[in-house]
Amino acid sequence: GFPSIKIFGNNKRSPTDYQGGRTADAIVEQALNQLRTIANERLGKRSGGGGGGSSGGGGSGGKDAIELTDSNFDSTVIDSEDAWLVEF
């Protein structure tokens, strides 16, 4: 769909394309599934389903969205320990 939504999870160099519905409920459901997968990986547990990566936002300073640019993308998303859901 457009705009493209990418999920930057544990492997930030290989984001996953979000293929789900474009409703708030669908995006939140996918975000929770992806975060559950990351938590289980970090705890050394096998995933009980869901996909790789993660979603959500981090480091936004309390904002719902932040503007990513060529100059801040790596330092904000790639170098972050947080999971990111990015719209292009």
PDB file of N, CA and C in Angstrom:
ATOM      1  N   GLY A   1       0.806  -1.184   0.000  1.00  0.00           N
ATOM      2  CA  GLY A   1       0.000   0.000   0.000  1.00  0.00           C
ATOM      3  C   GLY A   1       0.846   1.242   0.000  1.00  0.00           C
ATOM      4  N   PHE A   2       0.221   2.358  -0.120  1.00  0.00           N
ATOM      5  CA  PHE A   2       0.921   3.631  -0.083  1.00  0.00           C
ATOM      6  C   PHE A   2       0.292   4.463   1.008  1.00  0.00           C
ATOM      7  N   PRO A   3       1.003   5.158   1.808  1.00  0.00           N
ATOM      8  CA  PRO A   3       2.473   5.162   1.810  1.00  0.00           C
ATOM      9  C   PRO A   3       3.030   3.837   2.326  1.00  0.00           C
ATOM     10  N   SER A   4       4.282   3.574   1.955  1.00  0.00           N
ATOM     11  CA  SER A   4       4.951   2.359   2.433  1.00  0.00           C
ATOM     12  C   SER A   4       5.208   2.469   3.922  1.00  0.00           C
ATOM     13  N   ILE A   5       5.016   1.361   4.631  1.00  0.00           N
ATOM     14  CA  ILE A   5       5.326   1.303   6.054  1.00  0.00           C
ATOM     15  C   ILE A   5       6.344   0.194   6.245  1.00  0.00           C
ATOM     16  N   LYS A   6       7.455   0.518   6.907  1.00  0.00           N
ATOM     17  CA  LYS A   6       8.516  -0.449   7.176  1.00  0.00           C
ATOM     18  C   LYS A   6       8.624  -0.642   8.680  1.00  0.00           C
ATOM     19  N   ILE A   7       8.923  -1.877   9.079  1.00  0.00           N
ATOM     20  CA  ILE A   7       9.112  -2.203  10.484  1.00  0.00           C
ATOM     21  C   ILE A   7      10.599  -2.419  10.710  1.00  0.00           C
ATOM     22  N   PHE A   8      11.194  -1.587  11.555  1.00  0.00           N
ATOM     23  CA  PHE A   8      12.605  -1.695  11.898  1.00  0.00           C
ATOM     24  C   PHE A   8      12.696  -2.347  13.266  1.00  0.00           C
ATOM     25  N   GLY A   9      13.000  -3.633  13.286  1.00  0.00           N
ATOM     26  CA  GLY A   9      13.059  -4.405  14.521  1.00  0.00           C
ATOM     27  C   GLY A   9      14.481  -4.607  14.982  1.00  0.00           C
ATOM     28  N   ASN A  10      14.790  -5.816  15.459  1.00  0.00           N
ATOM     29  CA  ASN A  10      16.135  -6.115  15.949  1.00  0.00           C
ATOM     30  C   ASN A  10      17.196  -5.911  14.884  1.00  0.00           C
ATOM     31  N   ASN A  11      16.939  -6.343  13.652  1.00  0.00           N
ATOM     32  CA  ASN A  11      17.894  -6.168  12.563  1.00  0.00           C
ATOM     33  C   ASN A  11      17.499  -4.933  11.768  1.00  0.00           C
ATOM     34  N   LYS A  12      18.012  -3.793  12.171  1.00  0.00           N
ATOM     35  CA  LYS A  12      17.623  -2.528  11.555  1.00  0.00           C
ATOM     36  C   LYS A  12      18.105  -2.399  10.115  1.00  0.00           C
ATOM     37  N   ARG A  13      19.105  -3.186   9.734  1.00  0.00           N
ATOM     38  CA  ARG A  13      19.622  -3.135   8.361  1.00  0.00           C
ATOM     39  C   ARG A  13      18.739  -3.916   7.391  1.00  0.00           C
ATOM     40  N   SER A  14      17.763  -4.639   7.914  1.00  0.00           N
ATOM     41  CA  SER A  14      16.868  -5.438   7.073  1.00  0.00           C
ATOM     42  C   SER A  14      15.422  -5.267   7.547  1.00  0.00           C
ATOM     43  N   PRO A  15      14.821  -4.087   7.288  1.00  0.00           N
ATOM     44  CA  PRO A  15      13.452  -3.852   7.743  1.00  0.00           C
ATOM     45  C   PRO A  15      12.456  -4.751   7.018  1.00  0.00           C
ATOM     46  N   THR A  16      11.310  -4.946   7.653  1.00  0.00           N
ATOM     47  CA  THR A  16      10.231  -5.753   7.096  1.00  0.00           C
ATOM     48  C   THR A  16       9.150  -4.825   6.555  1.00  0.00           C
ATOM     49  N   ASP A  17       8.623  -5.138   5.375  1.00  0.00           N
ATOM     50  CA  ASP A  17       7.499  -4.369   4.843  1.00  0.00           C
ATOM     51  C   ASP A  17       6.239  -4.724   5.623  1.00  0.00           C
ATOM     52  N   TYR A  18       5.499  -3.712   6.064  1.00  0.00           N
ATOM     53  CA  TYR A  18       4.217  -3.944   6.728  1.00  0.00           C
ATOM     54  C   TYR A  18       3.179  -4.212   5.647  1.00  0.00           C
ATOM     55  N   GLN A  19       2.525  -5.350   5.734  1.00  0.00           N
ATOM     56  CA  GLN A  19       1.551  -5.756   4.723  1.00  0.00           C
ATOM     57  C   GLN A  19       0.124  -5.815   5.262  1.00  0.00           C
ATOM     58  N   GLY A  20      -0.071  -5.397   6.497  1.00  0.00           N
ATOM     59  CA  GLY A  20      -1.382  -5.513   7.121  1.00  0.00           C
ATOM     60  C   GLY A  20      -2.338  -4.414   6.710  1.00  0.00           C
ATOM     61  N   GLY A  21      -3.480  -4.418   7.371  1.00  0.00           N
ATOM     62  CA  GLY A  21      -4.504  -3.422   7.116  1.00  0.00           C
ATOM     63  C   GLY A  21      -4.049  -2.027   7.510  1.00  0.00           C
ATOM     64  N   ARG A  22      -4.740  -1.028   7.011  1.00  0.00           N
ATOM     65  CA  ARG A  22      -4.360   0.363   7.264  1.00  0.00           C
ATOM     66  C   ARG A  22      -5.242   1.020   8.319  1.00  0.00           C
ATOM     67  N   THR A  23      -5.849   0.200   9.163  1.00  0.00           N
ATOM     68  CA  THR A  23      -6.636   0.741  10.270  1.00  0.00           C
ATOM     69  C   THR A  23      -5.761   0.811  11.517  1.00  0.00           C
ATOM     70  N   ALA A  24      -6.160   1.638  12.456  1.00  0.00           N
ATOM     71  CA  ALA A  24      -5.417   1.738  13.718  1.00  0.00           C
ATOM     72  C   ALA A  24      -5.376   0.388  14.424  1.00  0.00           C
ATOM     73  N   ASP A  25      -6.493  -0.323  14.439  1.00  0.00           N
ATOM     74  CA  ASP A  25      -6.534  -1.634  15.101  1.00  0.00           C
ATOM     75  C   ASP A  25      -5.550  -2.616  14.478  1.00  0.00           C
ATOM     76  N   ALA A  26      -5.485  -2.656  13.150  1.00  0.00           N
ATOM     77  CA  ALA A  26      -4.585  -3.590  12.463  1.00  0.00           C
ATOM     78  C   ALA A  26      -3.125  -3.247  12.726  1.00  0.00           C
ATOM     79  N   ILE A  27      -2.795  -1.963  12.699  1.00  0.00           N
ATOM     80  CA  ILE A  27      -1.409  -1.540  12.934  1.00  0.00           C
ATOM     81  C   ILE A  27      -1.002  -1.823  14.374  1.00  0.00           C
ATOM     82  N   VAL A  28      -1.879  -1.530  15.327  1.00  0.00           N
ATOM     83  CA  VAL A  28      -1.578  -1.800  16.739  1.00  0.00           C
ATOM     84  C   VAL A  28      -1.405  -3.299  16.966  1.00  0.00           C
ATOM     85  N   GLU A  29      -2.261  -4.121  16.376  1.00  0.00           N
ATOM     86  CA  GLU A  29      -2.149  -5.574  16.519  1.00  0.00           C
ATOM     87  C   GLU A  29      -0.803  -6.073  15.997  1.00  0.00           C
ATOM     88  N   GLN A  30      -0.386  -5.586  14.836  1.00  0.00           N
ATOM     89  CA  GLN A  30       0.906  -5.990  14.283  1.00  0.00           C
ATOM     90  C   GLN A  30       2.046  -5.502  15.170  1.00  0.00           C
ATOM     91  N   ALA A  31       1.936  -4.285  15.683  1.00  0.00           N
ATOM     92  CA  ALA A  31       2.967  -3.745  16.571  1.00  0.00           C
ATOM     93  C   ALA A  31       3.121  -4.619  17.813  1.00  0.00           C
ATOM     94  N   LEU A  32       2.017  -5.005  18.417  1.00  0.00           N
ATOM     95  CA  LEU A  32       2.078  -5.855  19.608  1.00  0.00           C
ATOM     96  C   LEU A  32       2.674  -7.223  19.291  1.00  0.00           C
ATOM     97  N   ASN A  33       2.317  -7.798  18.153  1.00  0.00           N
ATOM     98  CA  ASN A  33       2.892  -9.087  17.753  1.00  0.00           C
ATOM     99  C   ASN A  33       4.398  -8.983  17.561  1.00  0.00           C
ATOM    100  N   GLN A  34       4.841  -7.923  16.929  1.00  0.00           N
ATOM    101  CA  GLN A  34       6.263  -7.758  16.671  1.00  0.00           C
ATOM    102  C   GLN A  34       7.032  -7.496  17.966  1.00  0.00           C
ATOM    103  N   LEU A  35       6.480  -6.697  18.846  1.00  0.00           N
ATOM    104  CA  LEU A  35       7.135  -6.440  20.134  1.00  0.00           C
ATOM    105  C   LEU A  35       7.201  -7.704  20.982  1.00  0.00           C
ATOM    106  N   ARG A  36       6.164  -8.530  20.926  1.00  0.00           N
ATOM    107  CA  ARG A  36       6.168  -9.809  21.634  1.00  0.00           C
ATOM    108  C   ARG A  36       7.300 -10.694  21.108  1.00  0.00           C
ATOM    109  N   THR A  37       7.496 -10.703  19.795  1.00  0.00           N
ATOM    110  CA  THR A  37       8.571 -11.488  19.189  1.00  0.00           C
ATOM    111  C   THR A  37       9.932 -11.015  19.679  1.00  0.00           C
ATOM    112  N   ILE A  38      10.145  -9.708  19.711  1.00  0.00           N
ATOM    113  CA  ILE A  38      11.429  -9.165  20.191  1.00  0.00           C
ATOM    114  C   ILE A  38      11.641  -9.522  21.652  1.00  0.00           C
ATOM    115  N   ALA A  39      10.608  -9.354  22.472  1.00  0.00           N
ATOM    116  CA  ALA A  39      10.743  -9.669  23.899  1.00  0.00           C
ATOM    117  C   ALA A  39      11.104 -11.135  24.092  1.00  0.00           C
ATOM    118  N   ASN A  40      10.450 -12.021  23.368  1.00  0.00           N
ATOM    119  CA  ASN A  40      10.754 -13.448  23.481  1.00  0.00           C
ATOM    120  C   ASN A  40      12.172 -13.759  23.022  1.00  0.00           C
ATOM    121  N   GLU A  41      12.626 -13.119  21.947  1.00  0.00           N
ATOM    122  CA  GLU A  41      14.004 -13.324  21.487  1.00  0.00           C
ATOM    123  C   GLU A  41      14.999 -12.875  22.551  1.00  0.00           C
ATOM    124  N   ARG A  42      14.735 -11.745  23.160  1.00  0.00           N
ATOM    125  CA  ARG A  42      15.652 -11.218  24.178  1.00  0.00           C
ATOM    126  C   ARG A  42      15.634 -12.060  25.447  1.00  0.00           C
ATOM    127  N   LEU A  43      14.521 -12.740  25.692  1.00  0.00           N
ATOM    128  CA  LEU A  43      14.423 -13.629  26.848  1.00  0.00           C
ATOM    129  C   LEU A  43      14.902 -15.041  26.522  1.00  0.00           C
ATOM    130  N   GLY A  44      15.294 -15.267  25.280  1.00  0.00           N
ATOM    131  CA  GLY A  44      15.774 -16.581  24.871  1.00  0.00           C
ATOM    132  C   GLY A  44      14.664 -17.577  24.614  1.00  0.00           C
ATOM    133  N   LYS A  45      13.458 -17.087  24.393  1.00  0.00           N
ATOM    134  CA  LYS A  45      12.320 -17.961  24.119  1.00  0.00           C
ATOM    135  C   LYS A  45      12.055 -17.986  22.621  1.00  0.00           C
ATOM    136  N   ARG A  46      11.496 -19.096  22.168  1.00  0.00           N
ATOM    137  CA  ARG A  46      11.093 -19.181  20.761  1.00  0.00           C
ATOM    138  C   ARG A  46       9.783 -18.431  20.583  1.00  0.00           C
ATOM    139  N   SER A  47       9.644 -17.828  19.415  1.00  0.00           N
ATOM    140  CA  SER A  47       8.420 -17.110  19.094  1.00  0.00           C
ATOM    141  C   SER A  47       7.278 -18.083  18.874  1.00  0.00           C
ATOM    142  N   GLY A  48       6.117 -17.735  19.376  1.00  0.00           N
ATOM    143  CA  GLY A  48       4.944 -18.564  19.180  1.00  0.00           C
ATOM    144  C   GLY A  48       4.144 -18.155  17.968  1.00  0.00           C
ATOM    145  N   GLY A  49       4.740 -17.413  17.070  1.00  0.00           N
ATOM    146  CA  GLY A  49       4.051 -16.937  15.878  1.00  0.00           C
ATOM    147  C   GLY A  49       4.464 -15.515  15.619  1.00  0.00           C
ATOM    148  N   GLY A  50       3.757 -14.857  14.741  1.00  0.00           N
ATOM    149  CA  GLY A  50       4.105 -13.496  14.381  1.00  0.00           C
ATOM    150  C   GLY A  50       5.286 -13.495  13.445  1.00  0.00           C
ATOM    151  N   GLY A  51       5.700 -12.323  13.030  1.00  0.00           N
ATOM    152  CA  GLY A  51       6.804 -12.222  12.087  1.00  0.00           C
ATOM    153  C   GLY A  51       8.059 -11.767  12.763  1.00  0.00           C
ATOM    154  N   GLY A  52       9.082 -11.560  11.970  1.00  0.00           N
ATOM    155  CA  GLY A  52      10.334 -11.051  12.505  1.00  0.00           C
ATOM    156  C   GLY A  52      10.260  -9.556  12.662  1.00  0.00           C
ATOM    157  N   GLY A  53      11.221  -8.981  13.306  1.00  0.00           N
ATOM    158  CA  GLY A  53      11.261  -7.542  13.461  1.00  0.00           C
ATOM    159  C   GLY A  53      10.350  -7.064  14.565  1.00  0.00           C
ATOM    160  N   SER A  54       9.998  -5.778  14.476  1.00  0.00           N
ATOM    161  CA  SER A  54       9.156  -5.196  15.492  1.00  0.00           C
ATOM    162  C   SER A  54       8.514  -3.953  14.946  1.00  0.00           C
ATOM    163  N   SER A  55       7.652  -3.360  15.732  1.00  0.00           N
ATOM    164  CA  SER A  55       7.088  -2.100  15.352  1.00  0.00           C
ATOM    165  C   SER A  55       6.878  -1.256  16.575  1.00  0.00           C
ATOM    166  N   GLY A  56       6.411  -0.053  16.349  1.00  0.00           N
ATOM    167  CA  GLY A  56       6.259   0.878  17.440  1.00  0.00           C
ATOM    168  C   GLY A  56       7.127   2.070  17.173  1.00  0.00           C
ATOM    169  N   GLY A  57       7.221   2.966  18.107  1.00  0.00           N
ATOM    170  CA  GLY A  57       8.079   4.119  17.951  1.00  0.00           C
ATOM    171  C   GLY A  57       8.860   4.309  19.209  1.00  0.00           C
ATOM    172  N   GLY A  58       9.975   4.934  19.079  1.00  0.00           N
ATOM    173  CA  GLY A  58      10.788   5.181  20.251  1.00  0.00           C
ATOM    174  C   GLY A  58      11.508   6.491  20.120  1.00  0.00           C
ATOM    175  N   GLY A  59      11.897   7.047  21.238  1.00  0.00           N
ATOM    176  CA  GLY A  59      12.694   8.260  21.216  1.00  0.00           C
ATOM    177  C   GLY A  59      11.979   9.455  20.630  1.00  0.00           C
ATOM    178  N   SER A  60      10.682   9.502  20.678  1.00  0.00           N
ATOM    179  CA  SER A  60       9.955  10.586  20.041  1.00  0.00           C
ATOM    180  C   SER A  60       9.750  11.779  20.957  1.00  0.00           C
ATOM    181  N   GLY A  61      10.242  11.704  22.178  1.00  0.00           N
ATOM    182  CA  GLY A  61      10.098  12.825  23.087  1.00  0.00           C
ATOM    183  C   GLY A  61       8.649  13.140  23.405  1.00  0.00           C
ATOM    184  N   GLY A  62       7.773  12.136  23.420  1.00  0.00           N
ATOM    185  CA  GLY A  62       6.384  12.357  23.756  1.00  0.00           C
ATOM    186  C   GLY A  62       5.499  12.663  22.570  1.00  0.00           C
ATOM    187  N   LYS A  63       6.065  12.839  21.383  1.00  0.00           N
ATOM    188  CA  LYS A  63       5.264  13.102  20.194  1.00  0.00           C
ATOM    189  C   LYS A  63       4.763  11.789  19.612  1.00  0.00           C
ATOM    190  N   ASP A  64       3.657  11.853  18.897  1.00  0.00           N
ATOM    191  CA  ASP A  64       3.143  10.671  18.214  1.00  0.00           C
ATOM    192  C   ASP A  64       3.970  10.339  16.985  1.00  0.00           C
ATOM    193  N   ALA A  65       4.554  11.356  16.362  1.00  0.00           N
ATOM    194  CA  ALA A  65       5.359  11.154  15.156  1.00  0.00           C
ATOM    195  C   ALA A  65       6.509  12.146  15.152  1.00  0.00           C
ATOM    196  N   ILE A  66       7.617  11.733  14.570  1.00  0.00           N
ATOM    197  CA  ILE A  66       8.740  12.649  14.393  1.00  0.00           C
ATOM    198  C   ILE A  66       9.155  12.617  12.935  1.00  0.00           C
ATOM    199  N   GLU A  67       9.758  13.688  12.474  1.00  0.00           N
ATOM    200  CA  GLU A  67      10.218  13.758  11.091  1.00  0.00           C
ATOM    201  C   GLU A  67      11.617  13.182  10.995  1.00  0.00           C
ATOM    202  N   LEU A  68      11.757  12.184  10.138  1.00  0.00           N
ATOM    203  CA  LEU A  68      13.067  11.594   9.882  1.00  0.00           C
ATOM    204  C   LEU A  68      13.599  12.160   8.574  1.00  0.00           C
ATOM    205  N   THR A  69      14.878  12.489   8.582  1.00  0.00           N
ATOM    206  CA  THR A  69      15.534  13.036   7.400  1.00  0.00           C
ATOM    207  C   THR A  69      16.764  12.204   7.081  1.00  0.00           C
ATOM    208  N   ASP A  70      17.383  12.483   5.937  1.00  0.00           N
ATOM    209  CA  ASP A  70      18.629  11.797   5.590  1.00  0.00           C
ATOM    210  C   ASP A  70      19.686  12.007   6.662  1.00  0.00           C
ATOM    211  N   SER A  71      19.686  13.173   7.275  1.00  0.00           N
ATOM    212  CA  SER A  71      20.737  13.484   8.248  1.00  0.00           C
ATOM    213  C   SER A  71      20.492  12.872   9.629  1.00  0.00           C
ATOM    214  N   ASN A  72      19.245  12.521   9.971  1.00  0.00           N
ATOM    215  CA  ASN A  72      19.007  11.962  11.308  1.00  0.00           C
ATOM    216  C   ASN A  72      18.499  10.521  11.307  1.00  0.00           C
ATOM    217  N   PHE A  73      18.281   9.916  10.139  1.00  0.00           N
ATOM    218  CA  PHE A  73      17.702   8.575  10.074  1.00  0.00           C
ATOM    219  C   PHE A  73      18.574   7.532  10.766  1.00  0.00           C
ATOM    220  N   ASP A  74      19.860   7.465  10.425  1.00  0.00           N
ATOM    221  CA  ASP A  74      20.740   6.456  11.031  1.00  0.00           C
ATOM    222  C   ASP A  74      20.840   6.626  12.539  1.00  0.00           C
ATOM    223  N   SER A  75      21.076   7.851  12.995  1.00  0.00           N
ATOM    224  CA  SER A  75      21.257   8.065  14.432  1.00  0.00           C
ATOM    225  C   SER A  75      19.957   7.870  15.210  1.00  0.00           C
ATOM    226  N   THR A  76      18.834   8.153  14.593  1.00  0.00           N
ATOM    227  CA  THR A  76      17.557   8.036  15.276  1.00  0.00           C
ATOM    228  C   THR A  76      16.985   6.624  15.222  1.00  0.00           C
ATOM    229  N   VAL A  77      17.041   5.976  14.068  1.00  0.00           N
ATOM    230  CA  VAL A  77      16.409   4.665  13.888  1.00  0.00           C
ATOM    231  C   VAL A  77      17.419   3.523  13.924  1.00  0.00           C
ATOM    232  N   ILE A  78      18.385   3.561  13.026  1.00  0.00           N
ATOM    233  CA  ILE A  78      19.309   2.436  12.860  1.00  0.00           C
ATOM    234  C   ILE A  78      20.152   2.201  14.105  1.00  0.00           C
ATOM    235  N   ASP A  79      20.669   3.262  14.709  1.00  0.00           N
ATOM    236  CA  ASP A  79      21.540   3.123  15.878  1.00  0.00           C
ATOM    237  C   ASP A  79      20.771   2.992  17.191  1.00  0.00           C
ATOM    238  N   SER A  80      19.452   3.057  17.148  1.00  0.00           N
ATOM    239  CA  SER A  80      18.613   3.004  18.344  1.00  0.00           C
ATOM    240  C   SER A  80      18.402   1.570  18.813  1.00  0.00           C
ATOM    241  N   GLU A  81      18.223   1.405  20.107  1.00  0.00           N
ATOM    242  CA  GLU A  81      17.846   0.109  20.677  1.00  0.00           C
ATOM    243  C   GLU A  81      16.335  -0.090  20.595  1.00  0.00           C
ATOM    244  N   ASP A  82      15.606   0.977  20.265  1.00  0.00           N
ATOM    245  CA  ASP A  82      14.149   0.929  20.213  1.00  0.00           C
ATOM    246  C   ASP A  82      13.664   0.344  18.893  1.00  0.00           C
ATOM    247  N   ALA A  83      12.437  -0.137  18.882  1.00  0.00           N
ATOM    248  CA  ALA A  83      11.778  -0.598  17.661  1.00  0.00           C
ATOM    249  C   ALA A  83      11.098   0.596  17.005  1.00  0.00           C
ATOM    250  N   TRP A  84      11.053   0.605  15.682  1.00  0.00           N
ATOM    251  CA  TRP A  84      10.481   1.726  14.943  1.00  0.00           C
ATOM    252  C   TRP A  84       9.515   1.250  13.877  1.00  0.00           C
ATOM    253  N   LEU A  85       8.426   1.975  13.688  1.00  0.00           N
ATOM    254  CA  LEU A  85       7.504   1.798  12.578  1.00  0.00           C
ATOM    255  C   LEU A  85       7.626   3.077  11.762  1.00  0.00           C
ATOM    256  N   VAL A  86       8.100   2.958  10.512  1.00  0.00           N
ATOM    257  CA  VAL A  86       8.422   4.141   9.712  1.00  0.00           C
ATOM    258  C   VAL A  86       7.569   4.172   8.455  1.00  0.00           C
ATOM    259  N   GLU A  87       6.952   5.324   8.205  1.00  0.00           N
ATOM    260  CA  GLU A  87       6.171   5.542   6.991  1.00  0.00           C
ATOM    261  C   GLU A  87       7.028   6.328   6.015  1.00  0.00           C
ATOM    262  N   PHE A  88       7.127   5.835   4.777  1.00  0.00           N
ATOM    263  CA  PHE A  88       7.918   6.526   3.748  1.00  0.00           C
ATOM    264  C   PHE A  88       7.005   7.167   2.737  1.00  0.00           C
TER     265      PHE A  88
END
